Amino acid sequence: MTGWRSMYLLCLVLWTAAWPGLSRADETKVRFAALDIHLESAEPVAAWQFELSEAAGRMRVVGVENGDSPAFARAPYYDRKAVNDGRADRIIVADFTLRPAAELPAGKFRIATVHVRLTGGSEPDYVLRLVTAGNARGEPIRASMHLSVQSRR
């Protein structure tokens, strides 16, 4: 019986010692993804803002690109310093245009691509929230957001 207890205790000690290393091994798995963010609205869109995060905090934003519409041709607004410093585990992205309503996009269109670095082996749980969308008169409009992960080639 003493030998069994000693073996059990030894196994328990070894497992406890190995456990932190096992969790760190999962954290060292790093991969990158490009997330296309789409906005959908029946009305022409002149301004928008969204927030993106990952539920477990395993995401760091490494870059943001503009979308497809000529109305939003430049890169959108976001905290570039936090992204450059590697501190952006969530991001708020926004843009606006002063173009006339006739030149604004409507329907479903890509407003941005967010490039992220992910750690861990499990699938990310992205949290995308539309903060606001507005028309050329500065009034809020009904809209929805969609996220899609670009497939690897």
C-alpha atoms as a PDB file:
ATOM      1  CA  MET A   1       0.000   0.000   0.000  1.00  0.00           C
ATOM      2  CA  THR A   2       2.878   2.345   0.782  1.00  0.00           C
ATOM      3  CA  GLY A   3       4.342   1.795  -2.675  1.00  0.00           C
ATOM      4  CA  TRP A   4       0.983   2.626  -4.292  1.00  0.00           C
ATOM      5  CA  ARG A   5       0.705   5.854  -2.287  1.00  0.00           C
ATOM      6  CA  SER A   6       4.268   6.829  -3.166  1.00  0.00           C
ATOM      7  CA  MET A   7       3.610   6.181  -6.870  1.00  0.00           C
ATOM      8  CA  TYR A   8       0.370   8.183  -6.721  1.00  0.00           C
ATOM      9  CA  LEU A   9       2.103  11.070  -4.960  1.00  0.00           C
ATOM     10  CA  LEU A  10       4.965  11.009  -7.478  1.00  0.00           C
ATOM     11  CA  CYS A  11       2.518  11.069 -10.411  1.00  0.00           C
ATOM     12  CA  LEU A  12       0.604  13.934  -8.813  1.00  0.00           C
ATOM     13  CA  VAL A  13       3.795  15.951  -8.269  1.00  0.00           C
ATOM     14  CA  LEU A  14       4.971  15.343 -11.851  1.00  0.00           C
ATOM     15  CA  TRP A  15       1.571  16.269 -13.309  1.00  0.00           C
ATOM     16  CA  THR A  16       1.400  19.451 -11.222  1.00  0.00           C
ATOM     17  CA  ALA A  17       4.911  20.414 -12.308  1.00  0.00           C
ATOM     18  CA  ALA A  18       4.078  19.789 -15.986  1.00  0.00           C
ATOM     19  CA  TRP A  19       0.696  21.575 -15.965  1.00  0.00           C
ATOM     20  CA  PRO A  20       2.024  25.175 -16.296  1.00  0.00           C
ATOM     21  CA  GLY A  21       4.232  24.058 -19.186  1.00  0.00           C
ATOM     22  CA  LEU A  22       1.275  22.475 -20.950  1.00  0.00           C
ATOM     23  CA  SER A  23      -0.771  25.657 -20.766  1.00  0.00           C
ATOM     24  CA  ARG A  24       2.181  27.750 -21.980  1.00  0.00           C
ATOM     25  CA  ALA A  25       2.669  25.393 -24.916  1.00  0.00           C
ATOM     26  CA  ASP A  26      -0.867  26.180 -26.043  1.00  0.00           C
ATOM     27  CA  GLU A  27      -0.180  29.931 -25.717  1.00  0.00           C
ATOM     28  CA  THR A  28       2.870  29.658 -27.973  1.00  0.00           C
ATOM     29  CA  LYS A  29       0.752  28.521 -30.919  1.00  0.00           C
ATOM     30  CA  VAL A  30       0.547  31.681 -32.987  1.00  0.00           C
ATOM     31  CA  ARG A  31      -1.318  32.205 -36.231  1.00  0.00           C
ATOM     32  CA  PHE A  32      -2.643  35.141 -38.203  1.00  0.00           C
ATOM     33  CA  ALA A  33      -6.040  35.826 -39.729  1.00  0.00           C
ATOM     34  CA  ALA A  34      -7.638  38.500 -41.895  1.00  0.00           C
ATOM     35  CA  LEU A  35     -11.201  39.365 -40.883  1.00  0.00           C
ATOM     36  CA  ASP A  36     -13.467  41.028 -43.439  1.00  0.00           C
ATOM     37  CA  ILE A  37     -16.033  43.276 -41.782  1.00  0.00           C
ATOM     38  CA  HIS A  38     -19.209  43.929 -43.768  1.00  0.00           C
ATOM     39  CA  LEU A  39     -21.950  46.463 -43.098  1.00  0.00           C
ATOM     40  CA  GLU A  40     -25.445  45.971 -44.449  1.00  0.00           C
ATOM     41  CA  SER A  41     -28.054  48.721 -44.712  1.00  0.00           C
ATOM     42  CA  ALA A  42     -30.946  49.510 -47.013  1.00  0.00           C
ATOM     43  CA  GLU A  43     -30.076  53.229 -46.702  1.00  0.00           C
ATOM     44  CA  PRO A  44     -26.914  54.866 -48.060  1.00  0.00           C
ATOM     45  CA  VAL A  45     -24.221  54.909 -45.374  1.00  0.00           C
ATOM     46  CA  ALA A  46     -22.100  58.002 -44.643  1.00  0.00           C
ATOM     47  CA  ALA A  47     -20.606  56.997 -41.285  1.00  0.00           C
ATOM     48  CA  TRP A  48     -20.065  53.882 -39.213  1.00  0.00           C
ATOM     49  CA  GLN A  49     -18.316  52.612 -36.107  1.00  0.00           C
ATOM     50  CA  PHE A  50     -17.759  49.092 -34.774  1.00  0.00           C
ATOM     51  CA  GLU A  51     -15.947  47.325 -31.945  1.00  0.00           C
ATOM     52  CA  LEU A  52     -14.143  44.003 -32.363  1.00  0.00           C
ATOM     53  CA  SER A  53     -12.683  41.728 -29.690  1.00  0.00           C
ATOM     54  CA  GLU A  54     -12.121  38.052 -28.957  1.00  0.00           C
ATOM     55  CA  ALA A  55     -14.013  36.639 -25.981  1.00  0.00           C
ATOM     56  CA  ALA A  56     -10.981  34.924 -24.382  1.00  0.00           C
ATOM     57  CA  GLY A  57      -8.541  37.776 -25.084  1.00  0.00           C
ATOM     58  CA  ARG A  58      -6.318  35.670 -27.377  1.00  0.00           C
ATOM     59  CA  MET A  59      -6.325  38.234 -30.199  1.00  0.00           C
ATOM     60  CA  ARG A  60      -4.044  41.162 -30.960  1.00  0.00           C
ATOM     61  CA  VAL A  61      -4.835  43.491 -33.840  1.00  0.00           C
ATOM     62  CA  VAL A  62      -1.840  43.994 -36.126  1.00  0.00           C
ATOM     63  CA  GLY A  63      -3.411  46.106 -38.876  1.00  0.00           C
ATOM     64  CA  VAL A  64      -6.562  47.589 -40.397  1.00  0.00           C
ATOM     65  CA  GLU A  65      -7.341  48.184 -44.079  1.00  0.00           C
ATOM     66  CA  ASN A  66     -10.104  50.136 -45.765  1.00  0.00           C
ATOM     67  CA  GLY A  67     -13.042  48.431 -47.463  1.00  0.00           C
ATOM     68  CA  ASP A  68     -14.357  48.304 -51.008  1.00  0.00           C
ATOM     69  CA  SER A  69     -16.391  51.498 -51.333  1.00  0.00           C
ATOM     70  CA  PRO A  70     -14.821  54.540 -53.017  1.00  0.00           C
ATOM     71  CA  ALA A  71     -16.724  56.637 -50.445  1.00  0.00           C
ATOM     72  CA  PHE A  72     -14.411  55.190 -47.753  1.00  0.00           C
ATOM     73  CA  ALA A  73     -11.199  55.024 -49.798  1.00  0.00           C
ATOM     74  CA  ARG A  74      -8.675  55.760 -47.035  1.00  0.00           C
ATOM     75  CA  ALA A  75      -7.876  53.566 -44.038  1.00  0.00           C
ATOM     76  CA  PRO A  76     -10.483  53.997 -41.286  1.00  0.00           C
ATOM     77  CA  TYR A  77      -9.809  55.621 -37.928  1.00  0.00           C
ATOM     78  CA  TYR A  78      -8.500  53.486 -35.040  1.00  0.00           C
ATOM     79  CA  ASP A  79      -5.854  53.661 -32.303  1.00  0.00           C
ATOM     80  CA  ARG A  80      -2.730  53.159 -34.401  1.00  0.00           C
ATOM     81  CA  LYS A  81      -0.393  53.539 -31.409  1.00  0.00           C
ATOM     82  CA  ALA A  82      -2.062  50.659 -29.522  1.00  0.00           C
ATOM     83  CA  VAL A  83      -1.861  48.487 -32.651  1.00  0.00           C
ATOM     84  CA  ASN A  84       1.791  49.388 -33.299  1.00  0.00           C
ATOM     85  CA  ASP A  85       2.679  48.731 -29.641  1.00  0.00           C
ATOM     86  CA  GLY A  86       0.984  45.300 -29.740  1.00  0.00           C
ATOM     87  CA  ARG A  87      -1.573  46.293 -27.066  1.00  0.00           C
ATOM     88  CA  ALA A  88      -4.770  46.168 -29.141  1.00  0.00           C
ATOM     89  CA  ASP A  89      -6.618  43.121 -27.803  1.00  0.00           C
ATOM     90  CA  ARG A  90      -9.828  44.871 -28.866  1.00  0.00           C
ATOM     91  CA  ILE A  91     -10.325  47.658 -31.341  1.00  0.00           C
ATOM     92  CA  ILE A  92     -12.832  50.367 -32.179  1.00  0.00           C
ATOM     93  CA  VAL A  93     -12.819  51.304 -35.869  1.00  0.00           C
ATOM     94  CA  ALA A  94     -14.757  54.164 -37.467  1.00  0.00           C
ATOM     95  CA  ASP A  95     -15.006  56.183 -40.646  1.00  0.00           C
ATOM     96  CA  PHE A  96     -17.139  58.849 -42.290  1.00  0.00           C
ATOM     97  CA  THR A  97     -17.435  60.580 -45.623  1.00  0.00           C
ATOM     98  CA  LEU A  98     -18.804  63.939 -46.732  1.00  0.00           C
ATOM     99  CA  ARG A  99     -19.860  62.695 -50.161  1.00  0.00           C
ATOM    100  CA  PRO A 100     -23.448  63.339 -51.276  1.00  0.00           C
ATOM    101  CA  ALA A 101     -26.054  60.645 -50.605  1.00  0.00           C
ATOM    102  CA  ALA A 102     -26.083  59.616 -54.288  1.00  0.00           C
ATOM    103  CA  GLU A 103     -22.417  58.519 -54.004  1.00  0.00           C
ATOM    104  CA  LEU A 104     -22.797  56.514 -50.783  1.00  0.00           C
ATOM    105  CA  PRO A 105     -22.852  52.727 -50.601  1.00  0.00           C
ATOM    106  CA  ALA A 106     -25.968  50.798 -49.604  1.00  0.00           C
ATOM    107  CA  GLY A 107     -26.740  47.098 -49.326  1.00  0.00           C
ATOM    108  CA  LYS A 108     -23.982  44.811 -48.061  1.00  0.00           C
ATOM    109  CA  PHE A 109     -20.402  45.986 -48.537  1.00  0.00           C
ATOM    110  CA  ARG A 110     -16.993  45.452 -46.928  1.00  0.00           C
ATOM    111  CA  ILE A 111     -16.030  48.392 -44.733  1.00  0.00           C
ATOM    112  CA  ALA A 112     -12.707  47.095 -43.394  1.00  0.00           C
ATOM    113  CA  THR A 113     -10.325  44.183 -43.097  1.00  0.00           C
ATOM    114  CA  VAL A 114      -8.812  43.680 -39.656  1.00  0.00           C
ATOM    115  CA  HIS A 115      -5.592  41.661 -39.450  1.00  0.00           C
ATOM    116  CA  VAL A 116      -5.108  39.811 -36.168  1.00  0.00           C
ATOM    117  CA  ARG A 117      -2.570  37.601 -34.402  1.00  0.00           C
ATOM    118  CA  LEU A 118      -4.132  34.732 -32.461  1.00  0.00           C
ATOM    119  CA  THR A 119      -2.613  32.601 -29.708  1.00  0.00           C
ATOM    120  CA  GLY A 120      -3.707  29.187 -28.501  1.00  0.00           C
ATOM    121  CA  GLY A 121      -4.970  26.171 -30.325  1.00  0.00           C
ATOM    122  CA  SER A 122      -8.716  26.652 -29.973  1.00  0.00           C
ATOM    123  CA  GLU A 123     -10.945  28.472 -32.434  1.00  0.00           C
ATOM    124  CA  PRO A 124     -11.366  32.187 -31.707  1.00  0.00           C
ATOM    125  CA  ASP A 125     -14.693  33.522 -30.480  1.00  0.00           C
ATOM    126  CA  TYR A 126     -14.888  36.930 -32.167  1.00  0.00           C
ATOM    127  CA  VAL A 127     -17.228  39.542 -30.712  1.00  0.00           C
ATOM    128  CA  LEU A 128     -18.295  42.128 -33.301  1.00  0.00           C
ATOM    129  CA  ARG A 129     -20.582  44.967 -32.258  1.00  0.00           C
ATOM    130  CA  LEU A 130     -21.985  47.729 -34.424  1.00  0.00           C
ATOM    131  CA  VAL A 131     -21.732  50.942 -32.409  1.00  0.00           C
ATOM    132  CA  THR A 132     -23.464  53.192 -34.939  1.00  0.00           C
ATOM    133  CA  ALA A 133     -24.197  53.851 -38.592  1.00  0.00           C
ATOM    134  CA  GLY A 134     -25.451  57.100 -40.063  1.00  0.00           C
ATOM    135  CA  ASN A 135     -26.675  58.723 -43.257  1.00  0.00           C
ATOM    136  CA  ALA A 136     -25.469  61.859 -45.069  1.00  0.00           C
ATOM    137  CA  ARG A 137     -27.681  64.039 -42.833  1.00  0.00           C
ATOM    138  CA  GLY A 138     -25.952  62.697 -39.707  1.00  0.00           C
ATOM    139  CA  GLU A 139     -28.982  60.679 -38.609  1.00  0.00           C
ATOM    140  CA  PRO A 140     -28.697  57.124 -37.254  1.00  0.00           C
ATOM    141  CA  ILE A 141     -29.801  54.385 -39.639  1.00  0.00           C
ATOM    142  CA  ARG A 142     -30.631  50.704 -39.255  1.00  0.00           C
ATOM    143  CA  ALA A 143     -27.734  48.475 -40.181  1.00  0.00           C
ATOM    144  CA  SER A 144     -26.169  45.135 -39.326  1.00  0.00           C
ATOM    145  CA  MET A 145     -22.606  43.846 -39.311  1.00  0.00           C
ATOM    146  CA  HIS A 146     -21.101  40.591 -40.536  1.00  0.00           C
ATOM    147  CA  LEU A 147     -17.642  39.112 -40.052  1.00  0.00           C
ATOM    148  CA  SER A 148     -15.980  36.593 -42.324  1.00  0.00           C
ATOM    149  CA  VAL A 149     -12.516  35.088 -42.060  1.00  0.00           C
ATOM    150  CA  GLN A 150     -10.546  35.196 -45.302  1.00  0.00           C
ATOM    151  CA  SER A 151      -9.679  31.702 -46.444  1.00  0.00           C
ATOM    152  CA  ARG A 152      -6.043  30.767 -46.885  1.00  0.00           C
ATOM    153  CA  ARG A 153      -4.804  30.151 -50.383  1.00  0.00           C
END
